[in-house]
Amino acid sequence: MVMLICIPALFLMLSIMTELLHARRVRRIGRLAFGRTGRPRGWTRITPLVRCASVVLLSWGFLVLAEHKPRGRSIDPEKEPSQHLLVCLDVSPSMYIEDAGPGGRESRSMRASEVLRGILSRLDMNETRVTVVAFYTSALPIVVDTYDINIIENVLNGLPMEHAFEVGQTRMQEGVEASLEFARPWPPDSAALIVVSDGDTISESMIQSMPRSISDAIVIGVGNPHKGTTIAGRSSRQDEASLKRLAVRLNGIYHDANTKHLPSSILSGLSMIIMNPEEADLLKRLALISILVGGCLLAATGPALVMLGMPAADLVRKKNGPMAEVDL
């Protein structure tokens, strides 16, 4: 997205420099080219602006089309991914409490699945591999470096993963730290970390070291943060305080997704996220219109200057006879 701004801006600067140089040369031979006044018609003053705008429109349109990736193309499983998504999913028994969602009737695990599906549906799987690590009293990898969304869907579809762990208290920070070990071999700034949990007590110690591969971290909270539900003799609700502390320790952000999905402003910051199909189609149409308008303006400028750019008196002389002498 940054390139869609920087490259047209570079072309604009080059166009302005070229127009200034051209205007300087025109002034030197103005009387020779346009007669006694030394100037073309007044409307021609806008032609530098038109040419600069045309160059910007053309460059932006072609860049958008070059960046446009058709949906549905086949994925090469042997291709080395350039992006990774590490998902740390809380699978403790409290995630089965039904106090989540807009109506407060969904289980926390189902709400977590909905939020993650919203993210997964916008992944560029041609360039991204997904790793899912479940945590409760410890951490276990469920899926490692997969490009198949269907496999991840099966994991999110109510799989009772808590039975793979010993019974005890949720160790959220320890689970996240164990998950980070999977990210250490990845290239620098190539991964995003997403933690989904209802929160729990976290240790007083800071996270030892963040892998260099993690460039973004998002901690997502599910469950009612205001009203607790009794489970195993204790009240359970979304622990916003612990989730926010974890986000700070991960140098990331916290979002309460109990009733609202992740906003587009957060999603757009992840490099492996692509646009919705409707947004991509709209941008493609705008790019085609931009190319059409820019091309037509640039193509029409030259003939218009030749036919209508001369001063009126010189046009009359051209029609009635030889050009008058130019007073240099």
Protein backbone atom coordinates (compact mmCIF):
# COMPACT_ATOMS: atom_id res chain seq x y z
CA MET A 1 0.00 0.00 0.00
CA VAL A 2 2.88 2.36 0.70
CA MET A 3 4.21 1.78 -2.81
CA LEU A 4 0.87 2.92 -4.25
CA ILE A 5 1.59 6.33 -2.71
CA CYS A 6 5.37 6.63 -2.97
CA ILE A 7 5.83 5.66 -6.62
CA PRO A 8 3.11 8.00 -8.03
CA ALA A 9 4.55 10.75 -5.82
CA LEU A 10 7.99 10.11 -7.34
CA PHE A 11 6.54 10.30 -10.85
CA LEU A 12 4.79 13.54 -9.89
CA MET A 13 8.06 15.10 -8.75
CA LEU A 14 9.81 14.04 -11.96
CA SER A 15 6.93 15.43 -14.03
CA ILE A 16 7.06 18.78 -12.24
CA MET A 17 10.82 19.03 -12.79
CA THR A 18 10.37 18.18 -16.47
CA GLU A 19 7.60 20.76 -16.91
CA LEU A 20 9.70 23.48 -15.26
CA LEU A 21 12.60 22.71 -17.59
CA HIS A 22 10.25 22.70 -20.59
CA ALA A 23 8.70 26.04 -19.57
CA ARG A 24 12.16 27.59 -19.28
CA ARG A 25 13.08 26.51 -22.80
CA VAL A 26 9.75 27.71 -24.21
CA ARG A 27 10.31 31.18 -22.76
CA ARG A 28 13.66 31.45 -24.54
CA ILE A 29 12.12 30.89 -27.99
CA GLY A 30 8.67 32.31 -27.25
CA ARG A 31 8.67 34.98 -29.98
CA LEU A 32 10.02 32.57 -32.54
CA ALA A 33 7.32 30.04 -31.74
CA PHE A 34 4.31 32.27 -31.03
CA GLY A 35 4.91 35.58 -32.83
CA ARG A 36 4.94 39.08 -31.39
CA THR A 37 3.31 38.22 -28.07
CA GLY A 38 5.75 35.41 -27.39
CA ARG A 39 2.99 33.48 -25.63
CA PRO A 40 0.51 30.80 -26.64
CA ARG A 41 -3.18 31.00 -25.84
CA GLY A 42 -4.18 31.45 -22.21
CA TRP A 43 -5.76 28.02 -21.79
CA THR A 44 -2.41 26.33 -22.46
CA ARG A 45 -1.25 27.35 -18.98
CA ILE A 46 -3.14 24.37 -17.56
CA THR A 47 -1.39 21.83 -19.79
CA PRO A 48 1.51 21.28 -17.34
CA LEU A 49 -1.01 20.47 -14.62
CA VAL A 50 -2.90 18.16 -16.97
CA ARG A 51 0.26 16.31 -17.97
CA CYS A 52 1.40 15.91 -14.35
CA ALA A 53 -2.03 14.67 -13.29
CA SER A 54 -2.09 12.24 -16.23
CA VAL A 55 1.27 10.76 -15.23
CA VAL A 56 0.06 10.28 -11.63
CA LEU A 57 -3.20 8.66 -12.77
CA LEU A 58 -1.40 6.31 -15.15
CA SER A 59 1.30 5.29 -12.67
CA TRP A 60 -1.21 4.68 -9.86
CA GLY A 61 -3.54 2.69 -12.11
CA PHE A 62 -0.80 0.45 -13.48
CA LEU A 63 0.62 -0.13 -9.98
CA VAL A 64 -2.78 -1.21 -8.65
CA LEU A 65 -3.23 -3.65 -11.52
CA ALA A 66 0.29 -4.98 -11.01
CA GLU A 67 -0.40 -5.54 -7.30
CA HIS A 68 -3.82 -7.08 -7.93
CA LYS A 69 -3.78 -10.78 -7.13
CA PRO A 70 -6.58 -12.86 -8.65
CA ARG A 71 -8.42 -14.89 -6.05
CA GLY A 72 -8.69 -18.60 -6.49
CA ARG A 73 -5.27 -19.17 -8.05
CA SER A 74 -3.54 -22.39 -7.01
CA ILE A 75 -1.16 -22.39 -4.05
CA ASP A 76 2.29 -23.88 -4.45
CA PRO A 77 2.98 -25.82 -1.22
CA GLU A 78 6.70 -26.00 -2.04
CA LYS A 79 7.04 -22.23 -2.28
CA GLU A 80 8.94 -20.65 0.60
CA PRO A 81 6.49 -18.36 2.45
CA SER A 82 7.38 -14.74 3.01
CA GLN A 83 4.92 -14.26 5.89
CA HIS A 84 3.90 -16.26 8.96
CA LEU A 85 0.92 -16.04 11.29
CA LEU A 86 1.33 -17.49 14.79
CA VAL A 87 -1.97 -18.05 16.62
CA CYS A 88 -1.92 -18.76 20.37
CA LEU A 89 -5.34 -20.11 21.32
CA ASP A 90 -6.63 -20.52 24.87
CA VAL A 91 -8.37 -23.91 25.22
CA SER A 92 -8.94 -23.91 28.99
CA PRO A 93 -12.37 -25.07 30.33
CA SER A 94 -13.43 -21.47 30.97
CA MET A 95 -13.53 -20.95 27.21
CA TYR A 96 -16.74 -23.03 27.15
CA ILE A 97 -18.65 -20.49 29.26
CA GLU A 98 -21.52 -19.01 27.24
CA ASP A 99 -21.28 -15.28 27.87
CA ALA A 100 -19.71 -14.08 24.62
CA GLY A 101 -20.96 -12.58 21.38
CA PRO A 102 -23.28 -9.62 20.76
CA GLY A 103 -26.14 -11.44 22.50
CA GLY A 104 -24.03 -12.91 25.28
CA ARG A 105 -25.14 -16.46 24.43
CA GLU A 106 -22.14 -17.83 22.56
CA SER A 107 -19.35 -19.78 24.18
CA ARG A 108 -16.04 -17.98 24.42
CA SER A 109 -14.38 -20.63 22.25
CA MET A 110 -16.98 -20.16 19.50
CA ARG A 111 -16.53 -16.40 19.66
CA ALA A 112 -12.77 -16.86 19.40
CA SER A 113 -13.30 -19.07 16.35
CA GLU A 114 -15.51 -16.43 14.69
CA VAL A 115 -12.93 -13.71 15.21
CA LEU A 116 -10.11 -15.89 13.90
CA ARG A 117 -12.16 -16.91 10.85
CA GLY A 118 -12.62 -13.23 10.04
CA ILE A 119 -8.84 -12.87 10.00
CA LEU A 120 -8.12 -16.13 8.18
CA SER A 121 -10.60 -15.31 5.40
CA ARG A 122 -8.41 -12.37 4.44
CA LEU A 123 -5.03 -14.06 4.51
CA ASP A 124 -2.91 -14.19 1.38
CA MET A 125 -2.22 -17.91 1.55
CA ASN A 126 0.10 -17.75 -1.46
CA GLU A 127 2.62 -15.96 0.74
CA THR A 128 1.56 -16.92 4.30
CA ARG A 129 1.83 -20.02 6.47
CA VAL A 130 -0.19 -20.41 9.67
CA THR A 131 0.88 -22.05 12.94
CA VAL A 132 -1.69 -22.68 15.69
CA VAL A 133 -0.54 -23.39 19.26
CA ALA A 134 -3.08 -24.27 21.98
CA PHE A 135 -2.33 -23.45 25.60
CA TYR A 136 -3.88 -24.31 28.96
CA THR A 137 -1.55 -25.58 31.69
CA SER A 138 1.16 -25.86 29.02
CA ALA A 139 1.40 -25.28 25.26
CA LEU A 140 1.01 -27.79 22.43
CA PRO A 141 1.35 -27.18 18.66
CA ILE A 142 -1.82 -28.12 16.78
CA VAL A 143 -0.95 -27.00 13.25
CA VAL A 144 2.51 -25.97 12.05
CA ASP A 145 3.17 -23.95 8.88
CA THR A 146 0.02 -24.87 7.00
CA TYR A 147 -1.41 -23.13 3.95
CA ASP A 148 -4.69 -25.07 4.06
CA ILE A 149 -7.49 -23.00 5.59
CA ASN A 150 -9.68 -26.13 5.86
CA ILE A 151 -7.25 -27.70 8.33
CA ILE A 152 -7.40 -24.62 10.52
CA GLU A 153 -11.20 -24.60 10.23
CA ASN A 154 -11.29 -28.12 11.66
CA VAL A 155 -9.18 -26.99 14.60
CA LEU A 156 -11.53 -24.09 15.29
CA ASN A 157 -14.67 -26.21 14.90
CA GLY A 158 -15.13 -27.16 18.54
CA LEU A 159 -12.23 -29.61 18.80
CA PRO A 160 -11.99 -30.57 22.54
CA MET A 161 -8.29 -29.82 22.88
CA GLU A 162 -8.36 -29.27 26.65
CA HIS A 163 -8.25 -33.05 27.18
CA ALA A 164 -4.67 -33.09 25.88
CA PHE A 165 -3.50 -31.11 28.93
CA GLU A 166 -3.22 -31.79 32.62
CA VAL A 167 -5.94 -30.20 34.73
CA GLY A 168 -4.90 -27.05 36.52
CA GLN A 169 -4.75 -23.28 36.33
CA THR A 170 -4.34 -21.57 32.97
CA ARG A 171 -0.77 -20.45 32.42
CA MET A 172 -1.31 -17.83 29.77
CA GLN A 173 2.06 -16.11 29.66
CA GLU A 174 3.98 -19.39 29.85
CA GLY A 175 1.88 -20.73 26.97
CA VAL A 176 2.60 -17.67 24.85
CA GLU A 177 6.32 -17.84 25.63
CA ALA A 178 6.39 -21.49 24.57
CA SER A 179 4.56 -20.57 21.36
CA LEU A 180 7.15 -17.93 20.53
CA GLU A 181 9.80 -20.63 20.17
CA PHE A 182 8.20 -21.62 16.86
CA ALA A 183 8.82 -18.11 15.54
CA ARG A 184 12.54 -17.91 16.29
CA PRO A 185 13.75 -19.63 13.06
CA TRP A 186 11.61 -17.37 10.86
CA PRO A 187 13.14 -14.36 9.03
CA PRO A 188 13.10 -10.98 10.81
CA ASP A 189 9.85 -9.00 10.68
CA SER A 190 8.05 -11.75 8.77
CA ALA A 191 5.43 -12.82 11.32
CA ALA A 192 2.42 -11.61 13.26
CA LEU A 193 1.36 -13.00 16.64
CA ILE A 194 -2.30 -13.28 17.62
CA VAL A 195 -3.26 -14.37 21.15
CA VAL A 196 -6.91 -15.23 21.83
CA SER A 197 -7.94 -15.78 25.45
CA ASP A 198 -10.35 -14.81 28.21
CA GLY A 199 -7.37 -13.84 30.34
CA ASP A 200 -5.97 -15.21 33.56
CA THR A 201 -3.29 -14.51 36.11
CA ILE A 202 0.06 -13.86 34.46
CA SER A 203 3.46 -14.12 36.04
CA GLU A 204 5.21 -11.06 37.42
CA SER A 205 8.27 -11.67 35.26
CA MET A 206 8.60 -10.05 31.86
CA ILE A 207 8.74 -12.10 28.67
CA GLN A 208 12.37 -13.13 28.23
CA SER A 209 12.90 -12.09 24.61
CA MET A 210 10.68 -11.55 21.61
CA PRO A 211 11.78 -13.32 18.42
CA ARG A 212 13.02 -10.91 15.75
CA SER A 213 10.52 -12.43 13.34
CA ILE A 214 7.51 -11.00 15.23
CA SER A 215 6.66 -7.58 13.82
CA ASP A 216 3.07 -7.30 15.11
CA ALA A 217 1.30 -8.66 18.18
CA ILE A 218 -2.44 -8.55 18.87
CA VAL A 219 -4.03 -9.81 22.09
CA ILE A 220 -7.74 -10.53 21.61
CA GLY A 221 -10.07 -10.86 24.58
CA VAL A 222 -13.30 -12.89 24.59
CA GLY A 223 -15.93 -13.29 27.29
CA ASN A 224 -17.97 -10.79 29.26
CA PRO A 225 -15.51 -8.36 30.88
CA HIS A 226 -18.09 -7.01 33.36
CA LYS A 227 -20.12 -9.96 34.66
CA GLY A 228 -18.53 -13.13 36.00
CA THR A 229 -19.77 -16.73 35.68
CA THR A 230 -19.06 -19.36 38.34
CA ILE A 231 -16.97 -22.32 37.20
CA ALA A 232 -15.10 -24.79 39.44
CA GLY A 233 -15.93 -22.73 42.50
CA ARG A 234 -14.58 -19.44 41.18
CA SER A 235 -15.99 -16.54 39.19
CA SER A 236 -14.72 -16.28 35.63
CA ARG A 237 -14.93 -13.29 33.31
CA GLN A 238 -12.70 -11.73 30.70
CA ASP A 239 -9.69 -10.45 32.60
CA GLU A 240 -8.98 -7.23 30.71
CA ALA A 241 -6.18 -6.21 33.06
CA SER A 242 -4.09 -9.33 32.49
CA LEU A 243 -4.69 -9.24 28.72
CA LYS A 244 -3.63 -5.59 28.53
CA ARG A 245 -0.49 -6.34 30.55
CA LEU A 246 0.32 -9.21 28.22
CA ALA A 247 -0.14 -6.93 25.19
CA VAL A 248 2.28 -4.41 26.71
CA ARG A 249 4.86 -7.13 27.35
CA LEU A 250 4.52 -8.29 23.74
CA ASN A 251 4.82 -4.70 22.43
CA GLY A 252 1.42 -5.19 20.86
CA ILE A 253 -2.17 -4.02 21.19
CA TYR A 254 -5.21 -5.36 23.04
CA HIS A 255 -8.69 -5.60 21.54
CA ASP A 256 -11.92 -6.65 23.25
CA ALA A 257 -13.55 -8.85 20.61
CA ASN A 258 -16.39 -10.09 22.79
CA THR A 259 -18.97 -8.15 20.76
CA LYS A 260 -16.96 -6.58 17.92
CA HIS A 261 -14.55 -8.04 15.40
CA LEU A 262 -11.12 -6.58 14.81
CA PRO A 263 -11.43 -3.17 13.14
CA SER A 264 -10.07 -2.71 9.63
CA SER A 265 -7.53 -0.20 10.91
CA ILE A 266 -5.83 -2.99 12.89
CA LEU A 267 -6.19 -5.66 10.22
CA SER A 268 -4.79 -3.46 7.47
CA GLY A 269 -1.57 -3.14 9.46
CA LEU A 270 -0.84 -6.85 8.99
CA SER A 271 1.21 -7.41 5.85
CA MET A 272 -0.32 -10.83 5.12
CA ILE A 273 -3.87 -9.44 5.01
CA ILE A 274 -5.47 -8.87 1.62
CA MET A 275 -8.54 -6.82 0.80
CA ASN A 276 -12.06 -8.14 0.80
CA PRO A 277 -13.15 -9.27 -2.70
CA GLU A 278 -15.57 -6.33 -2.94
CA GLU A 279 -12.87 -3.84 -1.98
CA ALA A 280 -10.38 -5.42 -4.38
CA ASP A 281 -12.86 -5.30 -7.27
CA LEU A 282 -13.69 -1.67 -6.53
CA LEU A 283 -10.00 -0.75 -6.44
CA LYS A 284 -9.43 -2.57 -9.72
CA ARG A 285 -12.28 -0.65 -11.39
CA LEU A 286 -10.89 2.63 -10.06
CA ALA A 287 -7.47 1.70 -11.46
CA LEU A 288 -8.94 1.02 -14.91
CA ILE A 289 -10.80 4.33 -14.83
CA SER A 290 -7.61 6.08 -13.71
CA ILE A 291 -5.66 4.59 -16.62
CA LEU A 292 -8.41 5.50 -19.10
CA VAL A 293 -8.69 9.11 -17.91
CA GLY A 294 -4.93 9.61 -17.60
CA GLY A 295 -4.23 8.08 -20.99
CA CYS A 296 -6.91 10.11 -22.76
CA LEU A 297 -5.75 13.38 -21.19
CA LEU A 298 -2.11 12.71 -22.04
CA ALA A 299 -2.93 11.65 -25.60
CA ALA A 300 -5.20 14.64 -26.24
CA THR A 301 -2.79 17.28 -24.91
CA GLY A 302 -0.39 17.18 -27.90
CA PRO A 303 -2.98 17.51 -30.70
CA ALA A 304 -4.85 20.19 -28.74
CA LEU A 305 -1.69 22.29 -28.41
CA VAL A 306 -0.91 21.95 -32.12
CA MET A 307 -4.41 22.89 -33.31
CA LEU A 308 -5.55 25.35 -30.65
CA GLY A 309 -2.43 26.53 -28.87
CA MET A 310 -1.30 29.27 -31.24
CA PRO A 311 -2.42 32.89 -30.61
CA ALA A 312 -5.53 33.90 -32.57
CA ALA A 313 -3.67 36.38 -34.80
CA ASP A 314 -1.16 33.75 -35.89
CA LEU A 315 -3.96 31.29 -36.69
CA VAL A 316 -5.53 33.91 -39.00
CA ARG A 317 -2.20 34.47 -40.76
CA LYS A 318 -1.83 30.73 -41.27
CA LYS A 319 -5.22 30.58 -42.93
CA ASN A 320 -4.90 33.76 -45.05
CA GLY A 321 -1.30 33.59 -46.15
CA PRO A 322 2.33 33.36 -45.14
CA MET A 323 3.18 34.04 -41.54
CA ALA A 324 4.12 37.58 -40.66
CA GLU A 325 7.68 38.31 -39.84
CA VAL A 326 8.61 37.69 -36.32
CA ASP A 327 10.02 40.72 -34.54
CA LEU A 328 12.91 39.29 -32.55
